[in-house]
């Protein structure tokens, strides 16, 4: 059976999520003046960090703020999708070797299913 977080832990995680969302909004405001001014590779890295952060917070919320269940972790497929989508969104072309690695991992994961 999966463990469940106690009510004090759930309250703490809820508080941390709210604080992180406020910090995230402020961070997005700070990034706005940089839009279009950064080299594509730098914009990709910054956007990737922010997007991963957003996705993890959303998964924490979706699993009832309960980190004990482990449902907040990004899967390999989710991580690969985030990388591809972020690269596409900022106009960054992933190096060929990286695309091959992501594709090969996805194929191996599908074979295991």
N, C-alpha and C. Protein backbone atom coordinates (compact mmCIF):
# COMPACT_ATOMS: atom_id res chain seq x y z
N UNK A 1 0.85 -1.19 0.00
CA UNK A 1 0.00 0.00 0.00
C UNK A 1 0.88 1.24 0.00
N UNK A 2 0.43 2.25 -0.70
CA UNK A 2 1.17 3.49 -0.74
C UNK A 2 0.98 4.26 0.56
N UNK A 3 2.05 4.92 0.94
CA UNK A 3 1.97 5.77 2.12
C UNK A 3 1.24 7.05 1.76
N UNK A 4 0.65 7.66 2.76
CA UNK A 4 -0.01 8.95 2.57
C UNK A 4 0.60 9.95 3.54
N UNK A 5 0.68 11.18 3.10
CA UNK A 5 1.23 12.23 3.95
C UNK A 5 0.24 12.59 5.05
N UNK A 6 0.79 13.00 6.16
CA UNK A 6 -0.05 13.47 7.26
C UNK A 6 -0.62 14.85 6.91
N UNK A 7 -1.62 15.26 7.63
CA UNK A 7 -2.26 16.56 7.37
C UNK A 7 -1.26 17.72 7.52
N UNK A 8 -0.37 17.71 8.53
CA UNK A 8 0.61 18.80 8.61
C UNK A 8 1.54 18.86 7.38
N UNK A 9 1.91 17.70 6.84
CA UNK A 9 2.75 17.68 5.64
C UNK A 9 1.96 18.23 4.46
N UNK A 10 0.72 17.83 4.31
CA UNK A 10 -0.12 18.34 3.23
C UNK A 10 -0.28 19.86 3.33
N UNK A 11 -0.48 20.35 4.54
CA UNK A 11 -0.59 21.81 4.75
C UNK A 11 0.70 22.51 4.35
N UNK A 12 1.83 21.93 4.73
CA UNK A 12 3.12 22.51 4.37
C UNK A 12 3.30 22.55 2.86
N UNK A 13 2.97 21.46 2.19
CA UNK A 13 3.13 21.40 0.73
C UNK A 13 2.19 22.41 0.06
N UNK A 14 0.98 22.52 0.55
CA UNK A 14 0.05 23.52 -0.02
C UNK A 14 0.63 24.93 0.11
N UNK A 15 1.18 25.23 1.27
CA UNK A 15 1.80 26.54 1.50
C UNK A 15 2.98 26.75 0.55
N UNK A 16 3.81 25.74 0.40
CA UNK A 16 4.97 25.85 -0.49
C UNK A 16 4.54 26.02 -1.94
N UNK A 17 3.47 25.34 -2.35
CA UNK A 17 2.97 25.49 -3.71
C UNK A 17 2.50 26.92 -3.94
N UNK A 18 1.76 27.48 -3.00
CA UNK A 18 1.28 28.87 -3.15
C UNK A 18 2.45 29.84 -3.21
N UNK A 19 3.45 29.63 -2.37
CA UNK A 19 4.63 30.50 -2.41
C UNK A 19 5.38 30.35 -3.73
N UNK A 20 5.48 29.12 -4.20
CA UNK A 20 6.21 28.90 -5.45
C UNK A 20 5.48 29.53 -6.63
N UNK A 21 4.15 29.49 -6.60
CA UNK A 21 3.38 30.11 -7.69
C UNK A 21 3.56 31.63 -7.69
N UNK A 22 3.60 32.23 -6.51
CA UNK A 22 3.83 33.68 -6.44
C UNK A 22 5.23 34.02 -6.96
N UNK A 23 6.22 33.23 -6.56
CA UNK A 23 7.59 33.46 -7.05
C UNK A 23 7.68 33.23 -8.55
N UNK A 24 6.95 32.25 -9.02
CA UNK A 24 6.95 31.94 -10.45
C UNK A 24 6.37 33.11 -11.26
N UNK A 25 5.26 33.65 -10.79
CA UNK A 25 4.66 34.81 -11.49
C UNK A 25 5.65 35.97 -11.55
N UNK A 26 6.31 36.23 -10.44
CA UNK A 26 7.30 37.31 -10.39
C UNK A 26 8.47 37.01 -11.33
N UNK A 27 8.91 35.77 -11.35
CA UNK A 27 10.00 35.38 -12.25
C UNK A 27 9.63 35.56 -13.71
N UNK A 28 8.40 35.21 -14.07
CA UNK A 28 7.94 35.40 -15.45
C UNK A 28 7.95 36.90 -15.81
N UNK A 29 7.56 37.75 -14.86
CA UNK A 29 7.60 39.19 -15.10
C UNK A 29 9.03 39.66 -15.36
N UNK A 30 9.97 39.12 -14.61
CA UNK A 30 11.37 39.50 -14.77
C UNK A 30 11.94 39.02 -16.11
N UNK A 31 11.41 37.93 -16.61
CA UNK A 31 11.88 37.39 -17.89
C UNK A 31 11.34 38.15 -19.09
N UNK A 32 10.20 38.78 -18.93
CA UNK A 32 9.54 39.45 -20.06
C UNK A 32 10.46 40.40 -20.83
N UNK A 33 11.24 41.26 -20.16
CA UNK A 33 12.11 42.17 -20.92
C UNK A 33 13.21 41.45 -21.71
N UNK A 34 13.49 40.20 -21.37
CA UNK A 34 14.53 39.45 -22.07
C UNK A 34 14.01 38.74 -23.32
N UNK A 35 12.70 38.72 -23.47
CA UNK A 35 12.10 38.03 -24.61
C UNK A 35 12.65 38.57 -25.92
N UNK A 36 13.22 37.69 -26.71
CA UNK A 36 13.78 38.06 -28.00
C UNK A 36 15.18 38.64 -27.93
N UNK A 37 15.72 38.82 -26.73
CA UNK A 37 17.05 39.41 -26.59
C UNK A 37 18.12 38.38 -26.27
N UNK A 38 17.71 37.18 -25.87
CA UNK A 38 18.68 36.14 -25.53
C UNK A 38 18.96 35.26 -26.74
N UNK A 39 20.17 34.73 -26.78
CA UNK A 39 20.49 33.73 -27.80
C UNK A 39 19.54 32.55 -27.61
N UNK A 40 19.21 31.89 -28.69
CA UNK A 40 18.21 30.82 -28.65
C UNK A 40 18.58 29.72 -27.66
N UNK A 41 19.87 29.36 -27.58
CA UNK A 41 20.25 28.29 -26.65
C UNK A 41 20.04 28.71 -25.21
N UNK A 42 20.31 29.96 -24.90
CA UNK A 42 20.10 30.45 -23.53
C UNK A 42 18.61 30.56 -23.21
N UNK A 43 17.84 31.04 -24.17
CA UNK A 43 16.38 31.12 -23.97
C UNK A 43 15.81 29.72 -23.75
N UNK A 44 16.33 28.75 -24.49
CA UNK A 44 15.88 27.36 -24.33
C UNK A 44 16.14 26.86 -22.92
N UNK A 45 17.34 27.07 -22.41
CA UNK A 45 17.68 26.58 -21.07
C UNK A 45 16.81 27.24 -20.01
N UNK A 46 16.66 28.55 -20.09
CA UNK A 46 15.83 29.25 -19.10
C UNK A 46 14.39 28.77 -19.18
N UNK A 47 13.85 28.70 -20.37
CA UNK A 47 12.47 28.25 -20.54
C UNK A 47 12.30 26.80 -20.10
N UNK A 48 13.30 25.97 -20.34
CA UNK A 48 13.25 24.57 -19.92
C UNK A 48 13.18 24.47 -18.40
N UNK A 49 14.01 25.22 -17.71
CA UNK A 49 14.00 25.22 -16.24
C UNK A 49 12.63 25.63 -15.72
N UNK A 50 12.10 26.72 -16.26
CA UNK A 50 10.80 27.23 -15.82
C UNK A 50 9.69 26.24 -16.12
N UNK A 51 9.72 25.64 -17.29
CA UNK A 51 8.68 24.70 -17.69
C UNK A 51 8.70 23.44 -16.83
N UNK A 52 9.88 22.92 -16.55
CA UNK A 52 9.98 21.75 -15.66
C UNK A 52 9.40 22.10 -14.29
N UNK A 53 9.76 23.25 -13.79
CA UNK A 53 9.26 23.73 -12.50
C UNK A 53 7.73 23.78 -12.52
N UNK A 54 7.17 24.39 -13.56
CA UNK A 54 5.71 24.49 -13.68
C UNK A 54 5.05 23.11 -13.69
N UNK A 55 5.62 22.21 -14.46
CA UNK A 55 5.03 20.88 -14.60
C UNK A 55 5.06 20.10 -13.28
N UNK A 56 6.16 20.22 -12.55
CA UNK A 56 6.25 19.52 -11.27
C UNK A 56 5.24 20.08 -10.29
N UNK A 57 5.12 21.40 -10.22
CA UNK A 57 4.14 22.01 -9.31
C UNK A 57 2.73 21.55 -9.68
N UNK A 58 2.42 21.52 -10.97
CA UNK A 58 1.09 21.08 -11.39
C UNK A 58 0.84 19.62 -11.01
N UNK A 59 1.88 18.78 -11.11
CA UNK A 59 1.71 17.38 -10.72
C UNK A 59 1.52 17.25 -9.21
N UNK A 60 2.20 18.09 -8.44
CA UNK A 60 2.03 18.08 -6.99
C UNK A 60 0.59 18.42 -6.65
N UNK A 61 0.06 19.43 -7.30
CA UNK A 61 -1.34 19.81 -7.07
C UNK A 61 -2.28 18.68 -7.49
N UNK A 62 -2.01 18.09 -8.65
CA UNK A 62 -2.88 17.04 -9.18
C UNK A 62 -2.92 15.79 -8.28
N UNK A 63 -1.86 15.56 -7.54
CA UNK A 63 -1.86 14.39 -6.65
C UNK A 63 -2.27 14.76 -5.23
N UNK A 64 -2.99 15.86 -5.10
CA UNK A 64 -3.52 16.24 -3.80
C UNK A 64 -2.48 16.78 -2.84
N UNK A 65 -1.41 17.32 -3.37
CA UNK A 65 -0.31 17.88 -2.57
C UNK A 65 0.39 16.83 -1.71
N UNK A 66 0.26 15.58 -2.10
CA UNK A 66 0.82 14.48 -1.30
C UNK A 66 2.10 13.94 -1.93
N UNK A 67 3.26 14.37 -1.44
CA UNK A 67 4.53 13.91 -2.01
C UNK A 67 4.88 12.47 -1.65
N UNK A 68 4.19 11.91 -0.69
CA UNK A 68 4.50 10.55 -0.26
C UNK A 68 4.07 9.51 -1.29
N UNK A 69 3.12 9.84 -2.13
CA UNK A 69 2.62 8.91 -3.14
C UNK A 69 3.59 8.75 -4.30
N UNK A 70 4.41 9.76 -4.54
CA UNK A 70 5.38 9.69 -5.63
C UNK A 70 4.82 10.07 -6.98
N UNK A 71 3.53 10.43 -7.04
CA UNK A 71 2.89 10.75 -8.32
C UNK A 71 3.33 12.09 -8.88
N UNK A 72 4.06 12.86 -8.12
CA UNK A 72 4.50 14.19 -8.57
C UNK A 72 5.74 14.12 -9.46
N UNK A 73 6.36 12.98 -9.52
CA UNK A 73 7.60 12.85 -10.33
C UNK A 73 7.27 12.84 -11.81
N UNK A 74 8.10 13.55 -12.58
CA UNK A 74 7.94 13.53 -14.03
C UNK A 74 8.45 12.20 -14.57
N UNK A 75 7.70 11.63 -15.49
CA UNK A 75 8.14 10.40 -16.14
C UNK A 75 9.16 10.74 -17.22
N UNK A 76 9.85 9.75 -17.70
CA UNK A 76 10.80 9.95 -18.79
C UNK A 76 10.10 10.54 -20.02
N UNK A 77 8.94 10.00 -20.35
CA UNK A 77 8.19 10.51 -21.51
C UNK A 77 7.81 11.97 -21.31
N UNK A 78 7.38 12.32 -20.10
CA UNK A 78 7.02 13.72 -19.83
C UNK A 78 8.24 14.63 -19.97
N UNK A 79 9.37 14.19 -19.46
CA UNK A 79 10.60 14.98 -19.58
C UNK A 79 10.98 15.17 -21.04
N UNK A 80 10.88 14.11 -21.82
CA UNK A 80 11.23 14.20 -23.24
C UNK A 80 10.26 15.14 -23.97
N UNK A 81 8.99 15.04 -23.65
CA UNK A 81 7.99 15.93 -24.26
C UNK A 81 8.28 17.39 -23.91
N UNK A 82 8.63 17.63 -22.65
CA UNK A 82 8.95 18.99 -22.21
C UNK A 82 10.14 19.54 -22.99
N UNK A 83 11.18 18.72 -23.16
CA UNK A 83 12.36 19.17 -23.90
C UNK A 83 11.98 19.50 -25.34
N UNK A 84 11.29 18.58 -26.00
CA UNK A 84 10.90 18.81 -27.40
C UNK A 84 10.00 20.03 -27.55
N UNK A 85 8.97 20.12 -26.71
CA UNK A 85 8.01 21.23 -26.82
C UNK A 85 8.67 22.57 -26.51
N UNK A 86 9.54 22.58 -25.52
CA UNK A 86 10.23 23.83 -25.16
C UNK A 86 11.16 24.26 -26.28
N UNK A 87 11.89 23.32 -26.84
CA UNK A 87 12.78 23.65 -27.96
C UNK A 87 11.98 24.23 -29.12
N UNK A 88 10.86 23.63 -29.43
CA UNK A 88 10.02 24.10 -30.51
C UNK A 88 9.47 25.50 -30.21
N UNK A 89 9.02 25.70 -28.98
CA UNK A 89 8.42 26.98 -28.59
C UNK A 89 9.40 28.14 -28.71
N UNK A 90 10.67 27.92 -28.37
CA UNK A 90 11.64 29.03 -28.41
C UNK A 90 12.43 29.06 -29.71
N UNK A 91 12.17 28.08 -30.59
CA UNK A 91 12.88 28.06 -31.87
C UNK A 91 14.28 27.51 -31.77
N UNK A 92 14.52 26.67 -30.77
CA UNK A 92 15.84 26.06 -30.60
C UNK A 92 15.86 24.70 -31.27
N UNK A 93 16.86 24.49 -32.06
CA UNK A 93 17.01 23.20 -32.73
C UNK A 93 17.90 22.31 -31.87
N UNK A 94 17.30 21.23 -31.39
CA UNK A 94 18.07 20.30 -30.57
C UNK A 94 19.19 19.70 -31.41
N UNK A 95 20.38 19.53 -30.83
CA UNK A 95 21.45 18.87 -31.58
C UNK A 95 21.01 17.48 -32.03
N UNK A 96 21.49 17.06 -33.17
CA UNK A 96 21.07 15.77 -33.74
C UNK A 96 21.27 14.63 -32.75
N UNK A 97 22.38 14.61 -32.05
CA UNK A 97 22.63 13.51 -31.11
C UNK A 97 21.60 13.51 -30.00
N UNK A 98 21.16 14.69 -29.57
CA UNK A 98 20.17 14.76 -28.50
C UNK A 98 18.83 14.24 -28.99
N UNK A 99 18.45 14.60 -30.20
CA UNK A 99 17.20 14.10 -30.76
C UNK A 99 17.24 12.58 -30.88
N UNK A 100 18.39 12.05 -31.29
CA UNK A 100 18.52 10.60 -31.41
C UNK A 100 18.42 9.92 -30.06
N UNK A 101 19.05 10.51 -29.05
CA UNK A 101 19.01 9.93 -27.70
C UNK A 101 17.57 9.94 -27.19
N UNK A 102 16.89 11.06 -27.34
CA UNK A 102 15.51 11.14 -26.87
C UNK A 102 14.65 10.13 -27.62
N UNK A 103 14.81 10.05 -28.94
CA UNK A 103 14.04 9.09 -29.73
C UNK A 103 14.34 7.65 -29.37
N UNK A 104 15.62 7.33 -29.16
CA UNK A 104 16.01 5.97 -28.81
C UNK A 104 15.45 5.58 -27.44
N UNK A 105 15.51 6.49 -26.50
CA UNK A 105 14.96 6.19 -25.17
C UNK A 105 13.46 5.97 -25.25
N UNK A 106 12.79 6.78 -26.03
CA UNK A 106 11.34 6.62 -26.17
C UNK A 106 11.01 5.27 -26.79
N UNK A 107 11.79 4.86 -27.80
CA UNK A 107 11.54 3.55 -28.43
C UNK A 107 11.77 2.42 -27.43
N UNK A 108 12.85 2.52 -26.65
CA UNK A 108 13.13 1.47 -25.65
C UNK A 108 12.00 1.43 -24.61
N UNK A 109 11.52 2.58 -24.20
CA UNK A 109 10.45 2.64 -23.20
C UNK A 109 9.18 1.98 -23.75
N UNK A 110 8.87 2.23 -25.01
CA UNK A 110 7.68 1.63 -25.61
C UNK A 110 7.82 0.12 -25.70
N UNK A 111 9.04 -0.38 -25.98
CA UNK A 111 9.25 -1.83 -26.06
C UNK A 111 9.02 -2.50 -24.72
N UNK A 112 9.39 -1.80 -23.64
CA UNK A 112 9.25 -2.36 -22.28
C UNK A 112 7.79 -2.42 -21.86
N UNK A 113 6.95 -1.60 -22.45
CA UNK A 113 5.53 -1.55 -22.01
C UNK A 113 4.74 -2.74 -22.46
